Amino acid sequence: MRRPPHSSGDLIADRRYAYAMDLAREGDAAAAIDLMEQAIERAPGWVAAWRELGKLRLARLDRDGAVAAFREALGLDPTDPFGCILELSRLGAALQVDAAPPAYVEALFDAYAGDFDQALVERLNYSTPRALAALLRAAKPPGDGRRFPRALDLGCGTGLAGEALRADIAWLEGVDIASGMIAVAEKKGVYDRLARADILAALNEPGEPYDLILAADVLIYTGDLSKIVAAMAARLAPGGLAAFSIEQGAAADWAIGESLRFAHSPDYVLRLAAQAGLETVSAERSALRKDRGADVDGVLFVLRKPQAVMASAPPGTGAAARDIEFVPNEPAPLLH
């Protein structure tokens, strides 16, 4: 029996929660639901138990029961550290949500901070930082000194992207919403400056422009990317590059998946880039990592801010999806 990650304060309720989770892992969802409901009877204000009850009911195809449980959890804690609003939006039981709640993202990554690198690189074959680094080096051949005088790593996490590109950057800043991630990154000594901040707030903060803005596996927690892409364009120096990854979606601009991450259409990203006045240098399909044993399909983008912005451009002259040939990306060497 595993102890629950968030105690109810009632030992018997905690035990029933833990047994329910063990039964769920063994495939006995019906018995797990019964025990979770018993735990909630003893601790009706336990947000974590209501969230898990919603997931268990959903596994049994009880949509209405799942919706009721997720709504109860959200009502008990509107900051939503478990992402229940994402579940409700995905099920069509709430208004469309265009970003994950900050409390959810912070809690998610603080929980993973301790073994984040090992989990991503060794178990999930995560190679996005190395793949983005290769695209950036191809886009900006070496000249005198380092390729990028100033760079900003959005959602820097434990510093995997920073490690992949540190040799190419003179001054590297990192921001992340999770203090646990910042603490791990700080120990590595990769960054010249680290700050705990929301990525859009960091982009909109007054300051010098950047020659490179990175966002590796970060935009998957935001649906509507229009403000972020526009803010990237505003903070880039002329000739500067923005490099980021998305999980590839279907026809819709963006949608919430079962993972509670956002997937985006490549056409949507290219359209936003053109609207923000950014040139598309490359857009390559890539397997970002593994999830439940399967590849997560994504696209790696490198965008450039022109050296000189035209006063006015004829409509429709921006980069369009048909102008970009998506090239399968070769697996990049893993970090160790």
Foldseek 3Di string as FASTA:
>chain_A
DDFDPDDLPDVQLRVLQVVLVVCVVVPNLVSSLVSLVVSCVVRVLDLVSLQVNLVSCVVVVNNVSSLVSLVSSCVSPVLCLPQSVLVCLQSVNDPNDFFGRLSVQQNVLLVCQVCVQCCFVVVWVAFQLLLLLVVVCVVFPDDPAARWAEEEEEQCFLNPNLVNCLRRYNAYEYEHQHVSRVVNNVVVVSHPYYYYDHRLVVLPDDDAATLEYEYEPNCQRGHDCLSVLLSNLVRHAAFGKYKYKFQADPDDQWGQDPVRTIGGHPQNVQVSCQVSQKAWPAKEWEQRTHDPRDTGIMIMTMIGHHNDGDPDDPPPPGDGPVNHDHHHGDRGDTDD
